[in-house]
Amino acid sequence: MIKILKNPIVKTILSMLAVAVFGFILLNITFIFDAIYQGIIDWIIKLFTPVDINTTWYWFPPLKHTLFVIIIGIISWFVFKSKLKTIYKAIFMTVPLATVFLTIGMFLYRWPLAAYLLGSLFALGFLYYLYKKKAHWLYYFALILISLVMLLVGLLGVEI
C-alpha cells in the first residue's frame, strides 16, 4: 500500500484531490467566519442605534465585505510568507481566490458581462503572476479549479 503512494501519478491525483476537498472545507469555514464576523459587527452597531443599518445605510454592507476581504488578505499574506508546505498553501489559496471572485461578482452583479470580464482578467493576470514566479503546479491547479467553480456559480445563479 505504501509503495503505491510513492507512484508519481497517484501522488499527483491525491494532491489534486486534497486541494479540491480540503479547499472546499476551508471555503465553508471561511463563509462561517464571514457570517460570524458580520453578525458581530451588526450586533455592536445595534448597541448604538435602533436602525436596521444593513437596509438603511446602503454603503454599510459593502464596507463590511471590504473589511472582510482585507482580513482575508492579511491572513493570506501570513500564510504565504510562512514555511508551510506547498500543498497546504495551495489548499489555502482557494480562500483568497474565491474571495476575490466573489467580491467581483458581488460588486458587479448588475453588470454580469463586466463581472465575467473582470474575473477573467483577474484569473489571467494571476496566471501570468504564477508563471513569472515559476510557481508549483498545485497553485495553477487551485487557480483553475476555483476559477471554474466560481464561473459555474455565476452562470448557474447560485446564491452564496
N, C-alpha and C. Protein backbone atom coordinates (compact mmCIF):
# COMPACT_ATOMS: atom_id res chain seq x y z
N MET A 1 0.83 -1.21 0.00
CA MET A 1 0.00 0.00 0.00
C MET A 1 0.87 1.26 0.00
N ILE A 2 1.92 1.28 0.81
CA ILE A 2 2.81 2.44 0.88
C ILE A 2 3.52 2.63 -0.46
N LYS A 3 3.82 1.54 -1.12
CA LYS A 3 4.54 1.61 -2.40
C LYS A 3 3.70 2.33 -3.46
N ILE A 4 2.40 2.11 -3.45
CA ILE A 4 1.53 2.76 -4.44
C ILE A 4 1.46 4.27 -4.20
N LEU A 5 1.57 4.71 -2.96
CA LEU A 5 1.53 6.14 -2.66
C LEU A 5 2.77 6.87 -3.17
N LYS A 6 3.84 6.14 -3.43
CA LYS A 6 5.06 6.75 -3.94
C LYS A 6 5.04 6.89 -5.46
N ASN A 7 4.06 6.30 -6.09
CA ASN A 7 3.89 6.42 -7.54
C ASN A 7 3.58 7.88 -7.86
N PRO A 8 4.31 8.52 -8.79
CA PRO A 8 4.08 9.94 -9.09
C PRO A 8 2.67 10.26 -9.57
N ILE A 9 2.08 9.36 -10.33
CA ILE A 9 0.72 9.61 -10.83
C ILE A 9 -0.28 9.60 -9.67
N VAL A 10 -0.14 8.63 -8.78
CA VAL A 10 -1.03 8.54 -7.62
C VAL A 10 -0.83 9.76 -6.72
N LYS A 11 0.42 10.14 -6.54
CA LYS A 11 0.72 11.30 -5.70
C LYS A 11 0.10 12.58 -6.29
N THR A 12 0.16 12.72 -7.60
CA THR A 12 -0.43 13.87 -8.28
C THR A 12 -1.93 13.89 -8.10
N ILE A 13 -2.58 12.76 -8.31
CA ILE A 13 -4.04 12.67 -8.17
C ILE A 13 -4.45 12.96 -6.73
N LEU A 14 -3.73 12.41 -5.77
CA LEU A 14 -4.05 12.66 -4.35
C LEU A 14 -3.85 14.13 -3.98
N SER A 15 -2.82 14.75 -4.55
CA SER A 15 -2.60 16.18 -4.29
C SER A 15 -3.74 17.02 -4.85
N MET A 16 -4.19 16.68 -6.06
CA MET A 16 -5.30 17.40 -6.66
C MET A 16 -6.58 17.21 -5.84
N LEU A 17 -6.83 16.00 -5.40
CA LEU A 17 -8.00 15.73 -4.56
C LEU A 17 -7.91 16.48 -3.24
N ALA A 18 -6.71 16.56 -2.67
CA ALA A 18 -6.53 17.27 -1.40
C ALA A 18 -6.86 18.74 -1.57
N VAL A 19 -6.39 19.35 -2.66
CA VAL A 19 -6.68 20.77 -2.90
C VAL A 19 -8.19 20.96 -3.07
N ALA A 20 -8.84 20.09 -3.82
CA ALA A 20 -10.28 20.24 -4.06
C ALA A 20 -11.09 20.01 -2.79
N VAL A 21 -10.84 18.92 -2.10
CA VAL A 21 -11.66 18.56 -0.93
C VAL A 21 -11.40 19.49 0.25
N PHE A 22 -10.12 19.65 0.61
CA PHE A 22 -9.81 20.49 1.77
C PHE A 22 -10.02 21.97 1.45
N GLY A 23 -9.85 22.35 0.19
CA GLY A 23 -10.18 23.72 -0.22
C GLY A 23 -11.65 24.00 -0.04
N PHE A 24 -12.50 23.03 -0.41
CA PHE A 24 -13.95 23.18 -0.23
C PHE A 24 -14.30 23.30 1.25
N ILE A 25 -13.68 22.48 2.07
CA ILE A 25 -13.92 22.55 3.52
C ILE A 25 -13.48 23.92 4.06
N LEU A 26 -12.31 24.38 3.62
CA LEU A 26 -11.80 25.67 4.07
C LEU A 26 -12.70 26.81 3.61
N LEU A 27 -13.25 26.71 2.41
CA LEU A 27 -14.18 27.74 1.93
C LEU A 27 -15.43 27.80 2.80
N ASN A 28 -15.94 26.64 3.19
CA ASN A 28 -17.11 26.63 4.07
C ASN A 28 -16.79 27.24 5.43
N ILE A 29 -15.61 26.96 5.95
CA ILE A 29 -15.20 27.57 7.21
C ILE A 29 -15.08 29.08 7.05
N THR A 30 -14.58 29.52 5.90
CA THR A 30 -14.45 30.95 5.63
C THR A 30 -15.81 31.63 5.58
N PHE A 31 -16.80 30.99 4.94
CA PHE A 31 -18.14 31.57 4.90
C PHE A 31 -18.76 31.65 6.29
N ILE A 32 -18.51 30.65 7.12
CA ILE A 32 -18.99 30.70 8.50
C ILE A 32 -18.30 31.83 9.26
N PHE A 33 -16.99 31.97 9.06
CA PHE A 33 -16.24 33.05 9.69
C PHE A 33 -16.78 34.41 9.26
N ASP A 34 -17.12 34.56 7.98
CA ASP A 34 -17.67 35.80 7.48
C ASP A 34 -19.03 36.10 8.12
N ALA A 35 -19.86 35.07 8.24
CA ALA A 35 -21.17 35.27 8.86
C ALA A 35 -21.03 35.70 10.33
N ILE A 36 -20.12 35.06 11.04
CA ILE A 36 -19.88 35.43 12.45
C ILE A 36 -19.33 36.85 12.53
N TYR A 37 -18.35 37.15 11.68
CA TYR A 37 -17.74 38.48 11.66
C TYR A 37 -18.79 39.56 11.41
N GLN A 38 -19.63 39.36 10.37
CA GLN A 38 -20.65 40.36 10.06
C GLN A 38 -21.71 40.44 11.15
N GLY A 39 -22.04 39.30 11.76
CA GLY A 39 -23.01 39.30 12.86
C GLY A 39 -22.51 40.07 14.06
N ILE A 40 -21.24 39.93 14.37
CA ILE A 40 -20.65 40.66 15.50
C ILE A 40 -20.65 42.16 15.22
N ILE A 41 -20.29 42.54 14.00
CA ILE A 41 -20.30 43.97 13.65
C ILE A 41 -21.72 44.53 13.75
N ASP A 42 -22.70 43.79 13.22
CA ASP A 42 -24.10 44.24 13.31
C ASP A 42 -24.54 44.37 14.75
N TRP A 43 -24.17 43.41 15.58
CA TRP A 43 -24.54 43.43 16.99
C TRP A 43 -23.94 44.65 17.70
N ILE A 44 -22.67 44.95 17.40
CA ILE A 44 -22.02 46.11 18.03
C ILE A 44 -22.69 47.40 17.59
N ILE A 45 -23.00 47.52 16.31
CA ILE A 45 -23.66 48.73 15.80
C ILE A 45 -25.05 48.88 16.41
N LYS A 46 -25.76 47.78 16.59
CA LYS A 46 -27.11 47.84 17.16
C LYS A 46 -27.11 48.30 18.61
N LEU A 47 -25.97 48.22 19.27
CA LEU A 47 -25.87 48.75 20.63
C LEU A 47 -26.01 50.26 20.65
N PHE A 48 -25.68 50.90 19.52
CA PHE A 48 -25.67 52.35 19.46
C PHE A 48 -26.83 52.96 18.68
N THR A 49 -27.52 52.15 17.87
CA THR A 49 -28.63 52.69 17.08
C THR A 49 -29.70 51.61 16.87
N PRO A 50 -30.97 52.00 16.94
CA PRO A 50 -32.03 51.01 16.70
C PRO A 50 -32.32 50.78 15.21
N VAL A 51 -31.67 51.53 14.35
CA VAL A 51 -31.91 51.47 12.91
C VAL A 51 -31.33 50.17 12.34
N ASP A 52 -32.04 49.58 11.38
CA ASP A 52 -31.50 48.42 10.67
C ASP A 52 -30.46 48.94 9.68
N ILE A 53 -29.23 48.88 10.09
CA ILE A 53 -28.17 49.52 9.33
C ILE A 53 -27.92 48.88 7.97
N ASN A 54 -28.22 47.59 7.83
CA ASN A 54 -27.96 46.91 6.56
C ASN A 54 -28.91 47.35 5.46
N THR A 55 -30.09 47.85 5.83
CA THR A 55 -31.02 48.33 4.81
C THR A 55 -31.06 49.86 4.72
N THR A 56 -30.76 50.53 5.82
CA THR A 56 -30.82 51.99 5.85
C THR A 56 -29.57 52.63 5.26
N TRP A 57 -28.44 52.10 5.63
CA TRP A 57 -27.16 52.64 5.14
C TRP A 57 -26.71 51.78 3.97
N TYR A 58 -26.94 52.23 2.75
CA TYR A 58 -26.65 51.44 1.55
C TYR A 58 -25.16 51.09 1.43
N TRP A 59 -24.31 51.89 2.02
CA TRP A 59 -22.87 51.69 1.90
C TRP A 59 -22.32 50.74 2.96
N PHE A 60 -23.13 50.39 3.96
CA PHE A 60 -22.61 49.60 5.08
C PHE A 60 -22.29 48.15 4.72
N PRO A 61 -23.21 47.41 4.06
CA PRO A 61 -22.85 46.02 3.70
C PRO A 61 -21.60 45.91 2.81
N PRO A 62 -21.44 46.77 1.78
CA PRO A 62 -20.19 46.68 1.02
C PRO A 62 -18.95 47.01 1.86
N LEU A 63 -19.10 47.94 2.81
CA LEU A 63 -17.99 48.26 3.69
C LEU A 63 -17.59 47.05 4.55
N LYS A 64 -18.60 46.37 5.09
CA LYS A 64 -18.31 45.17 5.90
C LYS A 64 -17.60 44.12 5.06
N HIS A 65 -18.07 43.94 3.83
CA HIS A 65 -17.44 42.93 2.98
C HIS A 65 -16.01 43.35 2.61
N THR A 66 -15.81 44.62 2.33
CA THR A 66 -14.46 45.10 2.01
C THR A 66 -13.51 44.88 3.18
N LEU A 67 -13.97 45.14 4.39
CA LEU A 67 -13.14 44.90 5.56
C LEU A 67 -12.84 43.40 5.72
N PHE A 68 -13.80 42.56 5.39
CA PHE A 68 -13.56 41.12 5.43
C PHE A 68 -12.51 40.71 4.40
N VAL A 69 -12.58 41.28 3.22
CA VAL A 69 -11.57 41.00 2.18
C VAL A 69 -10.18 41.41 2.67
N ILE A 70 -10.09 42.53 3.36
CA ILE A 70 -8.81 42.97 3.91
C ILE A 70 -8.31 41.97 4.95
N ILE A 71 -9.21 41.48 5.80
CA ILE A 71 -8.82 40.47 6.80
C ILE A 71 -8.30 39.21 6.11
N ILE A 72 -8.99 38.75 5.09
CA ILE A 72 -8.53 37.57 4.33
C ILE A 72 -7.17 37.85 3.70
N GLY A 73 -6.99 39.05 3.19
CA GLY A 73 -5.71 39.43 2.59
C GLY A 73 -4.57 39.39 3.60
N ILE A 74 -4.81 39.88 4.80
CA ILE A 74 -3.78 39.87 5.85
C ILE A 74 -3.45 38.44 6.26
N ILE A 75 -4.48 37.63 6.47
CA ILE A 75 -4.26 36.22 6.83
C ILE A 75 -3.49 35.52 5.71
N SER A 76 -3.87 35.80 4.47
CA SER A 76 -3.20 35.17 3.32
C SER A 76 -1.73 35.56 3.25
N TRP A 77 -1.43 36.80 3.52
CA TRP A 77 -0.05 37.25 3.49
C TRP A 77 0.79 36.43 4.48
N PHE A 78 0.26 36.23 5.70
CA PHE A 78 1.00 35.45 6.69
C PHE A 78 1.13 33.98 6.26
N VAL A 79 0.08 33.44 5.70
CA VAL A 79 0.13 32.03 5.26
C VAL A 79 1.18 31.86 4.16
N PHE A 80 1.18 32.75 3.18
CA PHE A 80 2.10 32.58 2.05
C PHE A 80 3.53 32.96 2.39
N LYS A 81 3.74 33.71 3.44
CA LYS A 81 5.10 34.02 3.89
C LYS A 81 5.63 32.96 4.86
N SER A 82 4.76 32.05 5.30
CA SER A 82 5.16 31.03 6.26
C SER A 82 5.96 29.92 5.57
N LYS A 83 6.44 29.01 6.37
CA LYS A 83 7.23 27.89 5.86
C LYS A 83 6.36 26.64 5.67
N LEU A 84 5.06 26.83 5.51
CA LEU A 84 4.17 25.71 5.25
C LEU A 84 4.54 25.03 3.93
N LYS A 85 4.20 23.76 3.83
CA LYS A 85 4.44 23.04 2.58
C LYS A 85 3.54 23.58 1.47
N THR A 86 3.97 23.36 0.26
CA THR A 86 3.25 23.85 -0.91
C THR A 86 1.82 23.35 -0.96
N ILE A 87 1.60 22.10 -0.60
CA ILE A 87 0.24 21.54 -0.65
C ILE A 87 -0.71 22.32 0.26
N TYR A 88 -0.24 22.71 1.44
CA TYR A 88 -1.09 23.46 2.38
C TYR A 88 -1.36 24.87 1.87
N LYS A 89 -0.35 25.48 1.27
CA LYS A 89 -0.55 26.81 0.71
C LYS A 89 -1.49 26.77 -0.48
N ALA A 90 -1.39 25.73 -1.30
CA ALA A 90 -2.29 25.59 -2.45
C ALA A 90 -3.72 25.37 -1.98
N ILE A 91 -3.89 24.57 -0.94
CA ILE A 91 -5.23 24.37 -0.38
C ILE A 91 -5.76 25.70 0.13
N PHE A 92 -4.94 26.45 0.87
CA PHE A 92 -5.40 27.72 1.42
C PHE A 92 -5.67 28.74 0.32
N MET A 93 -4.94 28.66 -0.78
CA MET A 93 -5.09 29.64 -1.86
C MET A 93 -6.51 29.68 -2.41
N THR A 94 -7.27 28.61 -2.21
CA THR A 94 -8.66 28.63 -2.65
C THR A 94 -9.45 29.73 -1.96
N VAL A 95 -9.08 30.06 -0.72
CA VAL A 95 -9.84 31.07 0.04
C VAL A 95 -9.67 32.47 -0.54
N PRO A 96 -8.44 32.99 -0.66
CA PRO A 96 -8.35 34.35 -1.23
C PRO A 96 -8.83 34.44 -2.67
N LEU A 97 -8.60 33.38 -3.45
CA LEU A 97 -9.08 33.40 -4.84
C LEU A 97 -10.60 33.47 -4.89
N ALA A 98 -11.26 32.60 -4.14
CA ALA A 98 -12.72 32.61 -4.12
C ALA A 98 -13.25 33.94 -3.58
N THR A 99 -12.56 34.50 -2.60
CA THR A 99 -12.97 35.78 -2.03
C THR A 99 -12.91 36.89 -3.08
N VAL A 100 -11.85 36.90 -3.86
CA VAL A 100 -11.72 37.91 -4.92
C VAL A 100 -12.81 37.73 -5.98
N PHE A 101 -12.97 36.50 -6.45
CA PHE A 101 -14.02 36.26 -7.47
C PHE A 101 -15.40 36.61 -6.93
N LEU A 102 -15.66 36.24 -5.69
CA LEU A 102 -16.95 36.53 -5.08
C LEU A 102 -17.16 38.04 -4.94
N THR A 103 -16.12 38.74 -4.57
CA THR A 103 -16.21 40.20 -4.43
C THR A 103 -16.49 40.86 -5.77
N ILE A 104 -15.79 40.42 -6.80
CA ILE A 104 -16.05 40.95 -8.14
C ILE A 104 -17.51 40.71 -8.52
N GLY A 105 -17.99 39.50 -8.28
CA GLY A 105 -19.38 39.18 -8.59
C GLY A 105 -20.38 39.99 -7.79
N MET A 106 -20.09 40.20 -6.51
CA MET A 106 -21.00 40.96 -5.65
C MET A 106 -21.10 42.42 -6.08
N PHE A 107 -19.96 43.02 -6.35
CA PHE A 107 -19.97 44.44 -6.68
C PHE A 107 -20.43 44.72 -8.11
N LEU A 108 -20.36 43.73 -8.98
CA LEU A 108 -20.75 43.94 -10.38
C LEU A 108 -21.93 43.05 -10.79
N TYR A 109 -22.75 42.63 -9.83
CA TYR A 109 -23.84 41.71 -10.17
C TYR A 109 -24.86 42.32 -11.13
N ARG A 110 -24.96 43.62 -11.15
CA ARG A 110 -25.91 44.26 -12.07
C ARG A 110 -25.40 44.29 -13.51
N TRP A 111 -24.10 44.09 -13.67
CA TRP A 111 -23.47 44.08 -14.98
C TRP A 111 -22.70 42.77 -15.14
N PRO A 112 -23.41 41.67 -15.41
CA PRO A 112 -22.75 40.35 -15.47
C PRO A 112 -21.59 40.29 -16.45
N LEU A 113 -21.73 40.93 -17.60
CA LEU A 113 -20.65 40.90 -18.57
C LEU A 113 -19.37 41.52 -17.99
N ALA A 114 -19.54 42.63 -17.29
CA ALA A 114 -18.38 43.28 -16.65
C ALA A 114 -17.79 42.38 -15.57
N ALA A 115 -18.65 41.70 -14.82
CA ALA A 115 -18.17 40.80 -13.77
C ALA A 115 -17.36 39.65 -14.36
N TYR A 116 -17.87 39.04 -15.42
CA TYR A 116 -17.15 37.93 -16.07
C TYR A 116 -15.85 38.41 -16.70
N LEU A 117 -15.89 39.60 -17.30
CA LEU A 117 -14.70 40.15 -17.93
C LEU A 117 -13.62 40.45 -16.88
N LEU A 118 -14.01 41.12 -15.81
CA LEU A 118 -13.04 41.45 -14.76
C LEU A 118 -12.53 40.19 -14.06
N GLY A 119 -13.42 39.23 -13.83
CA GLY A 119 -12.99 37.96 -13.24
C GLY A 119 -12.01 37.23 -14.14
N SER A 120 -12.27 37.25 -15.44
CA SER A 120 -11.34 36.63 -16.40
C SER A 120 -10.00 37.34 -16.42
N LEU A 121 -10.04 38.67 -16.39
CA LEU A 121 -8.79 39.44 -16.38
C LEU A 121 -7.99 39.16 -15.11
N PHE A 122 -8.70 39.05 -13.98
CA PHE A 122 -8.01 38.72 -12.73
C PHE A 122 -7.37 37.34 -12.82
N ALA A 123 -8.11 36.36 -13.31
CA ALA A 123 -7.59 35.00 -13.42
C ALA A 123 -6.38 34.95 -14.36
N LEU A 124 -6.48 35.61 -15.50
CA LEU A 124 -5.36 35.63 -16.44
C LEU A 124 -4.16 36.37 -15.86
N GLY A 125 -4.41 37.45 -15.17
CA GLY A 125 -3.32 38.19 -14.53
C GLY A 125 -2.64 37.38 -13.46
N PHE A 126 -3.42 36.66 -12.66
CA PHE A 126 -2.85 35.82 -11.61
C PHE A 126 -2.11 34.64 -12.23
N LEU A 127 -2.64 34.11 -13.32
CA LEU A 127 -1.96 33.03 -14.03
C LEU A 127 -0.59 33.50 -14.53
N TYR A 128 -0.54 34.70 -15.07
CA TYR A 128 0.73 35.28 -15.52
C TYR A 128 1.68 35.46 -14.34
N TYR A 129 1.15 35.92 -13.20
CA TYR A 129 1.97 36.08 -11.99
C TYR A 129 2.58 34.74 -11.57
N LEU A 130 1.76 33.69 -11.57
CA LEU A 130 2.27 32.37 -11.20
C LEU A 130 3.35 31.91 -12.18
N TYR A 131 3.14 32.20 -13.46
CA TYR A 131 4.12 31.83 -14.48
C TYR A 131 5.44 32.56 -14.26
N LYS A 132 5.36 33.86 -14.00
CA LYS A 132 6.58 34.65 -13.79
C LYS A 132 7.32 34.22 -12.53
N LYS A 133 6.58 33.79 -11.51
CA LYS A 133 7.18 33.35 -10.25
C LYS A 133 7.65 31.90 -10.33
N LYS A 134 7.35 31.24 -11.45
CA LYS A 134 7.67 29.82 -11.62
C LYS A 134 7.10 29.00 -10.45
N ALA A 135 5.83 29.24 -10.19
CA ALA A 135 5.15 28.61 -9.06
C ALA A 135 4.93 27.11 -9.30
N HIS A 136 4.73 26.41 -8.23
CA HIS A 136 4.45 24.98 -8.26
C HIS A 136 3.12 24.75 -8.99
N TRP A 137 2.99 23.61 -9.65
CA TRP A 137 1.80 23.32 -10.45
C TRP A 137 0.53 23.28 -9.62
N LEU A 138 0.63 23.00 -8.32
CA LEU A 138 -0.58 22.97 -7.48
C LEU A 138 -1.25 24.33 -7.39
N TYR A 139 -0.46 25.40 -7.46
CA TYR A 139 -1.05 26.74 -7.44
C TYR A 139 -1.86 26.99 -8.71
N TYR A 140 -1.33 26.53 -9.83
CA TYR A 140 -2.07 26.64 -11.09
C TYR A 140 -3.38 25.86 -11.00
N PHE A 141 -3.29 24.66 -10.44
CA PHE A 141 -4.48 23.83 -10.30
C PHE A 141 -5.52 24.51 -9.43
N ALA A 142 -5.09 25.08 -8.29
CA ALA A 142 -6.03 25.77 -7.40
C ALA A 142 -6.69 26.94 -8.12
N LEU A 143 -5.91 27.70 -8.88
CA LEU A 143 -6.47 28.83 -9.62
C LEU A 143 -7.49 28.37 -10.65
N ILE A 144 -7.15 27.36 -11.43
CA ILE A 144 -8.07 26.87 -12.46
C ILE A 144 -9.32 26.29 -11.83
N LEU A 145 -9.16 25.51 -10.76
CA LEU A 145 -10.30 24.91 -10.07
C LEU A 145 -11.26 25.97 -9.55
N ILE A 146 -10.74 26.94 -8.81
CA ILE A 146 -11.60 27.97 -8.22
C ILE A 146 -12.20 28.85 -9.31
N SER A 147 -11.43 29.15 -10.36
CA SER A 147 -11.96 29.96 -11.46
C SER A 147 -13.16 29.27 -12.10
N LEU A 148 -13.03 27.99 -12.37
CA LEU A 148 -14.13 27.24 -12.99
C LEU A 148 -15.33 27.11 -12.04
N VAL A 149 -15.06 26.84 -10.78
CA VAL A 149 -16.16 26.70 -9.82
C VAL A 149 -16.91 28.02 -9.68
N MET A 150 -16.19 29.13 -9.56
CA MET A 150 -16.86 30.42 -9.41
C MET A 150 -17.57 30.84 -10.70
N LEU A 151 -17.03 30.44 -11.85
CA LEU A 151 -17.73 30.69 -13.11
C LEU A 151 -19.06 29.92 -13.13
N LEU A 152 -19.03 28.68 -12.71
CA LEU A 152 -20.26 27.88 -12.65
C LEU A 152 -21.25 28.47 -11.65
N VAL A 153 -20.75 28.95 -10.52
CA VAL A 153 -21.62 29.59 -9.53
C VAL A 153 -22.33 30.78 -10.16
N GLY A 154 -21.58 31.57 -10.91
CA GLY A 154 -22.18 32.74 -11.57
C GLY A 154 -23.16 32.37 -12.67
N LEU A 155 -22.77 31.42 -13.51
CA LEU A 155 -23.63 31.03 -14.64
C LEU A 155 -24.90 30.34 -14.20
N LEU A 156 -24.80 29.54 -13.13
CA LEU A 156 -25.98 28.82 -12.64
C LEU A 156 -26.82 29.63 -11.67
N GLY A 157 -26.36 30.82 -11.34
CA GLY A 157 -27.13 31.69 -10.45
C GLY A 157 -27.18 31.22 -9.01
N VAL A 158 -26.15 30.52 -8.57
CA VAL A 158 -26.10 30.04 -7.19
C VAL A 158 -25.92 31.22 -6.27
N GLU A 159 -26.72 31.27 -5.21
CA GLU A 159 -26.58 32.35 -4.23
C GLU A 159 -25.82 31.82 -3.03
N ILE A 160 -24.84 32.61 -2.63
CA ILE A 160 -24.00 32.19 -1.50
C ILE A 160 -24.43 32.93 -0.26
